[in-house]
Amino acid sequence: MTEGKEFDIMVVGELNVDLILGRLNKPPVFGEEQRADSMTLTLGSSTAIFSSNAAALGSRVAFCGKVGADSFGEQVMSSLKENGVNRDYVMVDPHLQTGATIIFEYEGEHMGVTYQGAMEHLSVSDVPEELFRKCRHLHTSAIFFQPGLKRDIVSLFQKAKEFGLTTSMDTQWDPDEKWDLDLNQLLPYLDFFVPNEQELIHLASASSLDEALESLSGFNTTFVVKRGAKGALMRTGGKTHTEPAWNVPEIADTVGAGDSFNAGFLHEFLRGKPLTECLRFGNLTAAVSTTKAGGTTGIDSYRQVTETAKQWRNETE
């Protein structure tokens, strides 16, 4: 896996904590009081969850991001270290606050409200050139929450390609629902584009997944589309592959499941596995991540994930 590089994956992105209020007694309604029957404060943000789970699986991960000099920032830094993610390129700015997402969960669905904080101030100019030299792959996510990074996102991936890295991106949801990302400029520098189904439909201004994929068929990018309970779909080289979702016996929550999918898929890709196996393992890591609250507590190791799969298979036979 080393190929002469210090790290397998460089991650550039947002850092914040998640406060998860689970098992609401009814959907969130303004102007009313309601009850949550569980609460979890944990490492949040799409790229941090991805990084932690990729590291747990065995990838060597370095993170480039920004936090404030506050208690949330301390928790983020401590969690990254505990999860085996290199923090040498995480900047601590005493003038900024670390962001937070409040997540409300009700009957298997969740919504989040995010205060962006320090993540708004991360820019491409903050990413040191030496990090590109040390890594094999670049991943980023949640681009609509990071205006400083989004502004020059094409140049970030151009630079990665100049240094010979493979690349991937997961946009996540646009809270303003403008979906103003120039895919025609970006996709030539992306090896893997890994949004979920609804995100891709919005980004392509399409009415269906098939229409979205067809409209973007002129690029060499591999499209990996997460579809929740319907599993995942991959379009590469003009061919489409689908993989069903796992039947999880008991779901704690679905926070970070998509990021866990990305971690599993890219970990296997960087081990040289066929893309169909990467797709299958991405579905598995997504499923395992849902067995515990929060995005990073469900995945302990590669062996734990594969042993869980064996257990689930035995239970269904």
C-alpha atoms as a PDB file:
ATOM      1  CA  MET A   1       0.000   0.000   0.000  1.00  0.00           C
ATOM      2  CA  THR A   2       2.915   2.385   0.601  1.00  0.00           C
ATOM      3  CA  GLU A   3       4.268   3.057  -2.914  1.00  0.00           C
ATOM      4  CA  GLY A   4       6.963   5.243  -1.395  1.00  0.00           C
ATOM      5  CA  LYS A   5       4.553   7.787   0.110  1.00  0.00           C
ATOM      6  CA  GLU A   6       4.140   8.700   3.761  1.00  0.00           C
ATOM      7  CA  PHE A   7       0.338   8.805   3.574  1.00  0.00           C
ATOM      8  CA  ASP A   8      -2.279   7.015   1.526  1.00  0.00           C
ATOM      9  CA  ILE A   9      -4.872   9.799   1.696  1.00  0.00           C
ATOM     10  CA  MET A  10      -4.701  13.555   2.153  1.00  0.00           C
ATOM     11  CA  VAL A  11      -8.027  14.984   3.255  1.00  0.00           C
ATOM     12  CA  VAL A  12      -8.801  18.676   2.845  1.00  0.00           C
ATOM     13  CA  GLY A  13     -11.988  19.827   4.476  1.00  0.00           C
ATOM     14  CA  GLU A  14     -14.202  20.848   7.350  1.00  0.00           C
ATOM     15  CA  LEU A  15     -13.892  20.042  11.032  1.00  0.00           C
ATOM     16  CA  ASN A  16     -16.631  20.361  13.633  1.00  0.00           C
ATOM     17  CA  VAL A  17     -18.447  18.460  16.370  1.00  0.00           C
ATOM     18  CA  ASP A  18     -21.853  16.794  16.103  1.00  0.00           C
ATOM     19  CA  LEU A  19     -24.484  17.034  18.826  1.00  0.00           C
ATOM     20  CA  ILE A  20     -26.939  14.265  17.964  1.00  0.00           C
ATOM     21  CA  LEU A  21     -30.406  14.343  19.518  1.00  0.00           C
ATOM     22  CA  GLY A  22     -31.887  10.945  18.814  1.00  0.00           C
ATOM     23  CA  ARG A  23     -35.252   9.201  18.980  1.00  0.00           C
ATOM     24  CA  LEU A  24     -37.349  12.366  18.830  1.00  0.00           C
ATOM     25  CA  ASN A  25     -40.945  11.808  19.887  1.00  0.00           C
ATOM     26  CA  LYS A  26     -42.137  13.566  16.701  1.00  0.00           C
ATOM     27  CA  PRO A  27     -40.623  15.386  13.686  1.00  0.00           C
ATOM     28  CA  PRO A  28     -39.014  18.774  14.479  1.00  0.00           C
ATOM     29  CA  VAL A  29     -41.626  21.553  14.576  1.00  0.00           C
ATOM     30  CA  PHE A  30     -40.908  25.242  15.167  1.00  0.00           C
ATOM     31  CA  GLY A  31     -42.803  26.829  18.031  1.00  0.00           C
ATOM     32  CA  GLU A  32     -43.256  23.578  19.934  1.00  0.00           C
ATOM     33  CA  GLU A  33     -41.398  21.684  22.639  1.00  0.00           C
ATOM     34  CA  GLN A  34     -40.509  18.072  22.089  1.00  0.00           C
ATOM     35  CA  ARG A  35     -38.372  15.305  23.507  1.00  0.00           C
ATOM     36  CA  ALA A  36     -35.207  13.464  22.457  1.00  0.00           C
ATOM     37  CA  ASP A  37     -34.517  10.147  24.174  1.00  0.00           C
ATOM     38  CA  SER A  38     -30.759  10.078  23.459  1.00  0.00           C
ATOM     39  CA  MET A  39     -27.900  12.562  23.110  1.00  0.00           C
ATOM     40  CA  THR A  40     -24.395  12.093  21.701  1.00  0.00           C
ATOM     41  CA  LEU A  41     -21.596  14.664  21.396  1.00  0.00           C
ATOM     42  CA  THR A  42     -18.979  13.354  18.989  1.00  0.00           C
ATOM     43  CA  LEU A  43     -16.569  14.173  16.198  1.00  0.00           C
ATOM     44  CA  GLY A  44     -18.570  15.503  13.270  1.00  0.00           C
ATOM     45  CA  SER A  45     -18.080  16.803   9.724  1.00  0.00           C
ATOM     46  CA  SER A  46     -18.070  14.776   6.564  1.00  0.00           C
ATOM     47  CA  THR A  47     -14.329  14.808   5.951  1.00  0.00           C
ATOM     48  CA  ALA A  48     -13.413  14.080   9.584  1.00  0.00           C
ATOM     49  CA  ILE A  49     -15.765  11.084   9.700  1.00  0.00           C
ATOM     50  CA  PHE A  50     -14.313   9.848   6.426  1.00  0.00           C
ATOM     51  CA  SER A  51     -10.759  10.329   7.703  1.00  0.00           C
ATOM     52  CA  SER A  52     -11.349   8.551  10.999  1.00  0.00           C
ATOM     53  CA  ASN A  53     -13.016   5.549   9.417  1.00  0.00           C
ATOM     54  CA  ALA A  54     -10.439   5.257   6.636  1.00  0.00           C
ATOM     55  CA  ALA A  55      -7.721   5.295   9.312  1.00  0.00           C
ATOM     56  CA  ALA A  56      -9.593   2.669  11.346  1.00  0.00           C
ATOM     57  CA  LEU A  57      -9.647   0.430   8.279  1.00  0.00           C
ATOM     58  CA  GLY A  58      -5.867   0.756   7.943  1.00  0.00           C
ATOM     59  CA  SER A  59      -5.274   3.664   5.558  1.00  0.00           C
ATOM     60  CA  ARG A  60      -2.655   6.238   6.531  1.00  0.00           C
ATOM     61  CA  VAL A  61      -4.515   9.556   6.560  1.00  0.00           C
ATOM     62  CA  ALA A  62      -3.324  13.166   6.879  1.00  0.00           C
ATOM     63  CA  PHE A  63      -5.845  15.964   7.445  1.00  0.00           C
ATOM     64  CA  CYS A  64      -5.600  19.597   6.347  1.00  0.00           C
ATOM     65  CA  GLY A  65      -8.252  21.823   7.930  1.00  0.00           C
ATOM     66  CA  LYS A  66      -8.916  24.587  10.425  1.00  0.00           C
ATOM     67  CA  VAL A  67     -10.404  24.795  13.923  1.00  0.00           C
ATOM     68  CA  GLY A  68     -10.741  27.455  16.573  1.00  0.00           C
ATOM     69  CA  ALA A  69      -8.829  27.605  19.855  1.00  0.00           C
ATOM     70  CA  ASP A  70     -11.808  26.453  21.923  1.00  0.00           C
ATOM     71  CA  SER A  71     -13.221  23.367  23.636  1.00  0.00           C
ATOM     72  CA  PHE A  72     -14.841  22.057  20.449  1.00  0.00           C
ATOM     73  CA  GLY A  73     -11.537  22.483  18.632  1.00  0.00           C
ATOM     74  CA  GLU A  74      -9.764  20.577  21.397  1.00  0.00           C
ATOM     75  CA  GLN A  75     -12.294  17.761  21.115  1.00  0.00           C
ATOM     76  CA  VAL A  76     -11.842  17.602  17.343  1.00  0.00           C
ATOM     77  CA  MET A  77      -8.046  17.476  17.629  1.00  0.00           C
ATOM     78  CA  SER A  78      -8.188  14.875  20.388  1.00  0.00           C
ATOM     79  CA  SER A  79     -10.610  12.706  18.398  1.00  0.00           C
ATOM     80  CA  LEU A  80      -8.473  12.846  15.257  1.00  0.00           C
ATOM     81  CA  LYS A  81      -5.417  11.769  17.246  1.00  0.00           C
ATOM     82  CA  GLU A  82      -7.331   8.993  18.997  1.00  0.00           C
ATOM     83  CA  ASN A  83      -8.624   7.760  15.636  1.00  0.00           C
ATOM     84  CA  GLY A  84      -5.146   7.624  14.105  1.00  0.00           C
ATOM     85  CA  VAL A  85      -5.407  10.622  11.768  1.00  0.00           C
ATOM     86  CA  ASN A  86      -2.328  12.811  11.299  1.00  0.00           C
ATOM     87  CA  ARG A  87      -3.064  16.395  12.465  1.00  0.00           C
ATOM     88  CA  ASP A  88       0.189  18.123  11.454  1.00  0.00           C
ATOM     89  CA  TYR A  89      -1.639  20.148   8.804  1.00  0.00           C
ATOM     90  CA  VAL A  90      -4.639  21.180  10.911  1.00  0.00           C
ATOM     91  CA  MET A  91      -4.466  24.895  11.756  1.00  0.00           C
ATOM     92  CA  VAL A  92      -5.704  26.248  15.101  1.00  0.00           C
ATOM     93  CA  ASP A  93      -6.853  29.868  14.751  1.00  0.00           C
ATOM     94  CA  PRO A  94      -7.409  31.750  18.037  1.00  0.00           C
ATOM     95  CA  HIS A  95      -9.668  34.262  16.275  1.00  0.00           C
ATOM     96  CA  LEU A  96     -12.186  31.663  15.055  1.00  0.00           C
ATOM     97  CA  GLN A  97     -14.755  29.337  16.597  1.00  0.00           C
ATOM     98  CA  THR A  98     -14.922  25.645  15.782  1.00  0.00           C
ATOM     99  CA  GLY A  99     -18.187  24.780  14.049  1.00  0.00           C
ATOM    100  CA  ALA A 100     -20.921  22.478  15.261  1.00  0.00           C
ATOM    101  CA  THR A 101     -23.835  20.565  13.770  1.00  0.00           C
ATOM    102  CA  ILE A 102     -27.014  19.848  15.721  1.00  0.00           C
ATOM    103  CA  ILE A 103     -28.571  16.680  14.318  1.00  0.00           C
ATOM    104  CA  PHE A 104     -32.190  15.699  14.916  1.00  0.00           C
ATOM    105  CA  GLU A 105     -33.169  12.079  14.335  1.00  0.00           C
ATOM    106  CA  TYR A 106     -36.649  10.710  13.921  1.00  0.00           C
ATOM    107  CA  GLU A 107     -37.631   7.216  12.737  1.00  0.00           C
ATOM    108  CA  GLY A 108     -34.429   6.541  10.801  1.00  0.00           C
ATOM    109  CA  GLU A 109     -34.244   9.959   9.144  1.00  0.00           C
ATOM    110  CA  HIS A 110     -32.105  12.863  10.248  1.00  0.00           C
ATOM    111  CA  MET A 111     -31.669  16.573   9.604  1.00  0.00           C
ATOM    112  CA  GLY A 112     -28.784  18.809  10.639  1.00  0.00           C
ATOM    113  CA  VAL A 113     -28.277  22.483  11.352  1.00  0.00           C
ATOM    114  CA  THR A 114     -24.648  23.589  11.040  1.00  0.00           C
ATOM    115  CA  TYR A 115     -22.758  26.590  12.357  1.00  0.00           C
ATOM    116  CA  GLN A 116     -19.784  26.685   9.990  1.00  0.00           C
ATOM    117  CA  GLY A 117     -17.274  28.561  12.106  1.00  0.00           C
ATOM    118  CA  ALA A 118     -13.623  27.987  11.203  1.00  0.00           C
ATOM    119  CA  MET A 119     -14.432  25.760   8.213  1.00  0.00           C
ATOM    120  CA  GLU A 120     -15.621  28.842   6.305  1.00  0.00           C
ATOM    121  CA  HIS A 121     -12.103  30.252   6.425  1.00  0.00           C
ATOM    122  CA  LEU A 122     -10.173  27.338   4.958  1.00  0.00           C
ATOM    123  CA  SER A 123      -8.840  28.075   1.472  1.00  0.00           C
ATOM    124  CA  VAL A 124      -6.764  26.287  -1.151  1.00  0.00           C
ATOM    125  CA  SER A 125      -3.829  28.547  -0.274  1.00  0.00           C
ATOM    126  CA  ASP A 126      -3.806  26.926   3.199  1.00  0.00           C
ATOM    127  CA  VAL A 127      -2.896  23.537   1.709  1.00  0.00           C
ATOM    128  CA  PRO A 128       0.912  23.156   1.754  1.00  0.00           C
ATOM    129  CA  GLU A 129       2.656  21.826  -1.326  1.00  0.00           C
ATOM    130  CA  GLU A 130       4.639  19.323   0.727  1.00  0.00           C
ATOM    131  CA  LEU A 131       1.431  17.492   1.615  1.00  0.00           C
ATOM    132  CA  PHE A 132       0.761  16.699  -2.038  1.00  0.00           C
ATOM    133  CA  ARG A 133       4.248  15.196  -2.259  1.00  0.00           C
ATOM    134  CA  LYS A 134       3.604  12.927   0.716  1.00  0.00           C
ATOM    135  CA  CYS A 135       0.260  11.433  -0.377  1.00  0.00           C
ATOM    136  CA  ARG A 136      -1.246   9.046  -2.921  1.00  0.00           C
ATOM    137  CA  HIS A 137      -4.839  10.278  -3.001  1.00  0.00           C
ATOM    138  CA  LEU A 138      -6.803  13.496  -2.342  1.00  0.00           C
ATOM    139  CA  HIS A 139     -10.340  13.526  -0.942  1.00  0.00           C
ATOM    140  CA  THR A 140     -12.632  16.371   0.047  1.00  0.00           C
ATOM    141  CA  SER A 141     -16.305  16.792   0.883  1.00  0.00           C
ATOM    142  CA  ALA A 142     -19.068  19.150   2.079  1.00  0.00           C
ATOM    143  CA  ILE A 143     -17.886  21.792  -0.347  1.00  0.00           C
ATOM    144  CA  PHE A 144     -20.983  23.998  -0.025  1.00  0.00           C
ATOM    145  CA  PHE A 145     -20.185  24.608   3.644  1.00  0.00           C
ATOM    146  CA  GLN A 146     -16.689  25.807   2.735  1.00  0.00           C
ATOM    147  CA  PRO A 147     -16.878  28.903   0.529  1.00  0.00           C
ATOM    148  CA  GLY A 148     -13.159  29.605   0.788  1.00  0.00           C
ATOM    149  CA  LEU A 149     -12.310  26.130  -0.468  1.00  0.00           C
ATOM    150  CA  LYS A 150     -15.122  26.005  -3.015  1.00  0.00           C
ATOM    151  CA  ARG A 151     -13.968  29.207  -4.688  1.00  0.00           C
ATOM    152  CA  ASP A 152     -10.755  27.577  -5.973  1.00  0.00           C
ATOM    153  CA  ILE A 153     -11.710  23.914  -5.784  1.00  0.00           C
ATOM    154  CA  VAL A 154     -10.745  23.192  -9.399  1.00  0.00           C
ATOM    155  CA  SER A 155      -7.202  24.414  -8.774  1.00  0.00           C
ATOM    156  CA  LEU A 156      -6.918  22.099  -5.750  1.00  0.00           C
ATOM    157  CA  PHE A 157      -7.622  19.046  -7.884  1.00  0.00           C
ATOM    158  CA  GLN A 158      -5.489  20.353 -10.752  1.00  0.00           C
ATOM    159  CA  LYS A 159      -2.567  20.525  -8.356  1.00  0.00           C
ATOM    160  CA  ALA A 160      -3.246  17.028  -7.078  1.00  0.00           C
ATOM    161  CA  LYS A 161      -3.081  15.734 -10.627  1.00  0.00           C
ATOM    162  CA  GLU A 162       0.183  17.593 -11.228  1.00  0.00           C
ATOM    163  CA  PHE A 163       1.650  15.673  -8.286  1.00  0.00           C
ATOM    164  CA  GLY A 164       0.263  12.366  -9.578  1.00  0.00           C
ATOM    165  CA  LEU A 165      -2.448  11.805  -6.975  1.00  0.00           C
ATOM    166  CA  THR A 166      -5.735  10.065  -7.626  1.00  0.00           C
ATOM    167  CA  THR A 167      -8.729  12.121  -6.510  1.00  0.00           C
ATOM    168  CA  SER A 168     -12.264  11.934  -5.122  1.00  0.00           C
ATOM    169  CA  MET A 169     -14.972  14.320  -3.975  1.00  0.00           C
ATOM    170  CA  ASP A 170     -18.313  14.095  -2.190  1.00  0.00           C
ATOM    171  CA  THR A 171     -20.176  17.406  -2.357  1.00  0.00           C
ATOM    172  CA  GLN A 172     -22.807  16.696   0.339  1.00  0.00           C
ATOM    173  CA  TRP A 173     -25.986  18.783   0.429  1.00  0.00           C
ATOM    174  CA  ASP A 174     -26.101  22.459  -0.547  1.00  0.00           C
ATOM    175  CA  PRO A 175     -27.897  24.248   2.334  1.00  0.00           C
ATOM    176  CA  ASP A 176     -28.744  27.157   0.006  1.00  0.00           C
ATOM    177  CA  GLU A 177     -29.890  24.707  -2.713  1.00  0.00           C
ATOM    178  CA  LYS A 178     -28.187  26.695  -5.455  1.00  0.00           C
ATOM    179  CA  TRP A 179     -25.986  23.752  -6.529  1.00  0.00           C
ATOM    180  CA  ASP A 180     -23.620  26.194  -8.210  1.00  0.00           C
ATOM    181  CA  LEU A 181     -20.664  23.899  -8.834  1.00  0.00           C
ATOM    182  CA  ASP A 182     -19.158  23.857 -12.330  1.00  0.00           C
ATOM    183  CA  LEU A 183     -18.890  20.138 -12.985  1.00  0.00           C
ATOM    184  CA  ASN A 184     -17.607  20.703 -16.505  1.00  0.00           C
ATOM    185  CA  GLN A 185     -14.506  22.341 -15.025  1.00  0.00           C
ATOM    186  CA  LEU A 186     -14.145  19.966 -12.083  1.00  0.00           C
ATOM    187  CA  LEU A 187     -14.833  16.465 -13.382  1.00  0.00           C
ATOM    188  CA  PRO A 188     -11.771  16.262 -15.689  1.00  0.00           C
ATOM    189  CA  TYR A 189      -9.647  16.256 -12.518  1.00  0.00           C
ATOM    190  CA  LEU A 190     -11.769  13.795 -10.512  1.00  0.00           C
ATOM    191  CA  ASP A 191     -11.184  10.054 -10.635  1.00  0.00           C
ATOM    192  CA  PHE A 192     -14.172   9.400  -8.374  1.00  0.00           C
ATOM    193  CA  PHE A 193     -17.272  11.518  -7.810  1.00  0.00           C
ATOM    194  CA  VAL A 194     -19.204  10.112  -4.851  1.00  0.00           C
ATOM    195  CA  PRO A 195     -22.404  12.082  -4.078  1.00  0.00           C
ATOM    196  CA  ASN A 196     -25.704  10.547  -3.080  1.00  0.00           C
ATOM    197  CA  GLU A 197     -28.536  10.162  -5.554  1.00  0.00           C
ATOM    198  CA  GLN A 198     -30.426  13.359  -4.784  1.00  0.00           C
ATOM    199  CA  GLU A 199     -27.254  15.448  -4.697  1.00  0.00           C
ATOM    200  CA  LEU A 200     -26.204  14.237  -8.138  1.00  0.00           C
ATOM    201  CA  ILE A 201     -29.664  14.901  -9.587  1.00  0.00           C
ATOM    202  CA  HIS A 202     -29.571  18.480  -8.271  1.00  0.00           C
ATOM    203  CA  LEU A 203     -25.985  19.075  -9.387  1.00  0.00           C
ATOM    204  CA  ALA A 204     -26.808  17.910 -12.913  1.00  0.00           C
ATOM    205  CA  SER A 205     -30.125  19.841 -13.015  1.00  0.00           C
ATOM    206  CA  ALA A 206     -31.781  16.543 -13.922  1.00  0.00           C
ATOM    207  CA  SER A 207     -35.113  14.935 -13.116  1.00  0.00           C
ATOM    208  CA  SER A 208     -33.779  11.414 -12.474  1.00  0.00           C
ATOM    209  CA  LEU A 209     -30.566   9.553 -11.736  1.00  0.00           C
ATOM    210  CA  ASP A 210     -30.437   8.097 -15.242  1.00  0.00           C
ATOM    211  CA  GLU A 211     -30.787  11.561 -16.745  1.00  0.00           C
ATOM    212  CA  ALA A 212     -28.063  12.933 -14.477  1.00  0.00           C
ATOM    213  CA  LEU A 213     -25.624  10.171 -15.360  1.00  0.00           C
ATOM    214  CA  GLU A 214     -26.379  10.487 -19.063  1.00  0.00           C
ATOM    215  CA  SER A 215     -25.772  14.243 -19.001  1.00  0.00           C
ATOM    216  CA  LEU A 216     -22.336  13.656 -17.459  1.00  0.00           C
ATOM    217  CA  SER A 217     -21.356  10.670 -19.586  1.00  0.00           C
ATOM    218  CA  GLY A 218     -18.691  12.607 -21.508  1.00  0.00           C
ATOM    219  CA  PHE A 219     -16.204  12.460 -18.630  1.00  0.00           C
ATOM    220  CA  ASN A 220     -13.764   9.705 -17.623  1.00  0.00           C
ATOM    221  CA  THR A 221     -14.756  10.117 -13.993  1.00  0.00           C
ATOM    222  CA  THR A 222     -16.121   7.073 -12.174  1.00  0.00           C
ATOM    223  CA  PHE A 223     -19.484   8.003 -10.638  1.00  0.00           C
ATOM    224  CA  VAL A 224     -20.256   6.247  -7.358  1.00  0.00           C
ATOM    225  CA  VAL A 225     -23.781   7.075  -6.219  1.00  0.00           C
ATOM    226  CA  LYS A 226     -25.061   6.280  -2.727  1.00  0.00           C
ATOM    227  CA  ARG A 227     -28.762   5.385  -2.623  1.00  0.00           C
ATOM    228  CA  GLY A 228     -29.472   4.668   1.039  1.00  0.00           C
ATOM    229  CA  ALA A 229     -31.662   1.615   1.501  1.00  0.00           C
ATOM    230  CA  LYS A 230     -31.355   0.920  -2.244  1.00  0.00           C
ATOM    231  CA  GLY A 231     -27.618   0.371  -1.944  1.00  0.00           C
ATOM    232  CA  ALA A 232     -25.159   1.960  -4.358  1.00  0.00           C
ATOM    233  CA  LEU A 233     -24.630   2.371  -8.088  1.00  0.00           C
ATOM    234  CA  MET A 234     -21.397   2.837 -10.002  1.00  0.00           C
ATOM    235  CA  ARG A 235     -20.997   4.088 -13.580  1.00  0.00           C
ATOM    236  CA  THR A 236     -17.528   3.594 -15.022  1.00  0.00           C
ATOM    237  CA  GLY A 237     -16.275   3.074 -18.553  1.00  0.00           C
ATOM    238  CA  GLY A 238     -19.817   3.247 -19.868  1.00  0.00           C
ATOM    239  CA  LYS A 239     -20.923   0.330 -17.681  1.00  0.00           C
ATOM    240  CA  THR A 240     -23.250   0.400 -14.682  1.00  0.00           C
ATOM    241  CA  HIS A 241     -22.867  -1.780 -11.597  1.00  0.00           C
ATOM    242  CA  THR A 242     -25.296  -1.924  -8.681  1.00  0.00           C
ATOM    243  CA  GLU A 243     -24.840  -3.293  -5.199  1.00  0.00           C
ATOM    244  CA  PRO A 244     -27.729  -3.856  -2.758  1.00  0.00           C
ATOM    245  CA  ALA A 245     -27.667  -2.451   0.759  1.00  0.00           C
ATOM    246  CA  TRP A 246     -27.017  -4.733   3.713  1.00  0.00           C
ATOM    247  CA  ASN A 247     -29.879  -5.659   5.978  1.00  0.00           C
ATOM    248  CA  VAL A 248     -28.695  -4.245   9.317  1.00  0.00           C
ATOM    249  CA  PRO A 249     -30.365  -6.024  12.280  1.00  0.00           C
ATOM    250  CA  GLU A 250     -30.551  -2.901  14.432  1.00  0.00           C
ATOM    251  CA  ILE A 251     -29.694   0.645  13.340  1.00  0.00           C
ATOM    252  CA  ALA A 252     -28.517   3.125  15.985  1.00  0.00           C
ATOM    253  CA  ASP A 253     -28.434   6.045  13.556  1.00  0.00           C
ATOM    254  CA  THR A 254     -27.383   6.831   9.976  1.00  0.00           C
ATOM    255  CA  VAL A 255     -25.086   9.785  10.742  1.00  0.00           C
ATOM    256  CA  GLY A 256     -21.951   9.555   8.599  1.00  0.00           C
ATOM    257  CA  ALA A 257     -23.049   6.454   6.708  1.00  0.00           C
ATOM    258  CA  GLY A 258     -22.216   8.057   3.371  1.00  0.00           C
ATOM    259  CA  ASP A 259     -18.777   9.123   4.583  1.00  0.00           C
ATOM    260  CA  SER A 260     -18.199   5.622   5.932  1.00  0.00           C
ATOM    261  CA  PHE A 261     -19.116   4.278   2.495  1.00  0.00           C
ATOM    262  CA  ASN A 262     -16.501   6.585   0.955  1.00  0.00           C
ATOM    263  CA  ALA A 263     -13.898   5.372   3.459  1.00  0.00           C
ATOM    264  CA  GLY A 264     -14.540   1.731   2.649  1.00  0.00           C
ATOM    265  CA  PHE A 265     -14.650   2.238  -1.102  1.00  0.00           C
ATOM    266  CA  LEU A 266     -11.436   4.269  -1.274  1.00  0.00           C
ATOM    267  CA  HIS A 267      -9.566   2.095   1.220  1.00  0.00           C
ATOM    268  CA  GLU A 268     -10.144  -0.906  -1.029  1.00  0.00           C
ATOM    269  CA  PHE A 269      -9.302   1.083  -4.163  1.00  0.00           C
ATOM    270  CA  LEU A 270      -5.954   2.095  -2.677  1.00  0.00           C
ATOM    271  CA  ARG A 271      -5.302  -1.569  -1.879  1.00  0.00           C
ATOM    272  CA  GLY A 272      -5.692  -2.311  -5.586  1.00  0.00           C
ATOM    273  CA  LYS A 273      -9.019  -4.112  -5.373  1.00  0.00           C
ATOM    274  CA  PRO A 274     -11.389  -4.256  -8.406  1.00  0.00           C
ATOM    275  CA  LEU A 275     -13.936  -1.446  -8.381  1.00  0.00           C
ATOM    276  CA  THR A 276     -16.849  -3.848  -8.002  1.00  0.00           C
ATOM    277  CA  GLU A 277     -15.285  -5.119  -4.767  1.00  0.00           C
ATOM    278  CA  CYS A 278     -14.719  -1.528  -3.666  1.00  0.00           C
ATOM    279  CA  LEU A 279     -18.422  -0.850  -4.209  1.00  0.00           C
ATOM    280  CA  ARG A 280     -19.389  -3.907  -2.173  1.00  0.00           C
ATOM    281  CA  PHE A 281     -17.066  -3.001   0.694  1.00  0.00           C
ATOM    282  CA  GLY A 282     -18.291   0.601   0.675  1.00  0.00           C
ATOM    283  CA  ASN A 283     -21.827  -0.658   1.226  1.00  0.00           C
ATOM    284  CA  LEU A 284     -20.586  -2.844   4.063  1.00  0.00           C
ATOM    285  CA  THR A 285     -18.728  -0.059   5.892  1.00  0.00           C
ATOM    286  CA  ALA A 286     -21.776   2.184   5.523  1.00  0.00           C
ATOM    287  CA  ALA A 287     -23.942  -0.526   7.066  1.00  0.00           C
ATOM    288  CA  VAL A 288     -21.560  -1.259   9.945  1.00  0.00           C
ATOM    289  CA  SER A 289     -21.287   2.457  10.737  1.00  0.00           C
ATOM    290  CA  THR A 290     -25.030   2.612  11.439  1.00  0.00           C
ATOM    291  CA  THR A 291     -24.813   0.105  14.299  1.00  0.00           C
ATOM    292  CA  LYS A 292     -23.570   2.732  16.769  1.00  0.00           C
ATOM    293  CA  ALA A 293     -24.441   6.390  17.351  1.00  0.00           C
ATOM    294  CA  GLY A 294     -22.354   8.979  15.551  1.00  0.00           C
ATOM    295  CA  GLY A 295     -20.256   8.643  12.436  1.00  0.00           C
ATOM    296  CA  THR A 296     -17.026   7.233  13.894  1.00  0.00           C
ATOM    297  CA  THR A 297     -17.943   4.832  16.694  1.00  0.00           C
ATOM    298  CA  GLY A 298     -19.255   1.952  14.578  1.00  0.00           C
ATOM    299  CA  ILE A 299     -16.028   1.108  12.726  1.00  0.00           C
ATOM    300  CA  ASP A 300     -13.124  -0.191  14.823  1.00  0.00           C
ATOM    301  CA  SER A 301     -10.963  -2.015  12.293  1.00  0.00           C
ATOM    302  CA  TYR A 302     -10.935  -3.783   8.952  1.00  0.00           C
ATOM    303  CA  ARG A 303     -11.215  -7.131  10.709  1.00  0.00           C
ATOM    304  CA  GLN A 304     -14.211  -5.983  12.778  1.00  0.00           C
ATOM    305  CA  VAL A 305     -16.031  -4.886   9.611  1.00  0.00           C
ATOM    306  CA  THR A 306     -15.411  -8.171   7.803  1.00  0.00           C
ATOM    307  CA  GLU A 307     -16.299 -10.226  10.897  1.00  0.00           C
ATOM    308  CA  THR A 308     -19.568  -8.294  11.185  1.00  0.00           C
ATOM    309  CA  ALA A 309     -20.352  -9.206   7.588  1.00  0.00           C
ATOM    310  CA  LYS A 310     -19.768 -12.900   8.358  1.00  0.00           C
ATOM    311  CA  GLN A 311     -22.032 -12.686  11.380  1.00  0.00           C
ATOM    312  CA  TRP A 312     -24.829 -11.049   9.397  1.00  0.00           C
ATOM    313  CA  ARG A 313     -24.553 -13.679   6.677  1.00  0.00           C
ATOM    314  CA  ASN A 314     -24.775 -16.481   9.244  1.00  0.00           C
ATOM    315  CA  GLU A 315     -27.847 -14.902  10.834  1.00  0.00           C
ATOM    316  CA  THR A 316     -29.681 -14.820   7.493  1.00  0.00           C
ATOM    317  CA  GLU A 317     -28.814 -18.384   6.459  1.00  0.00           C
END
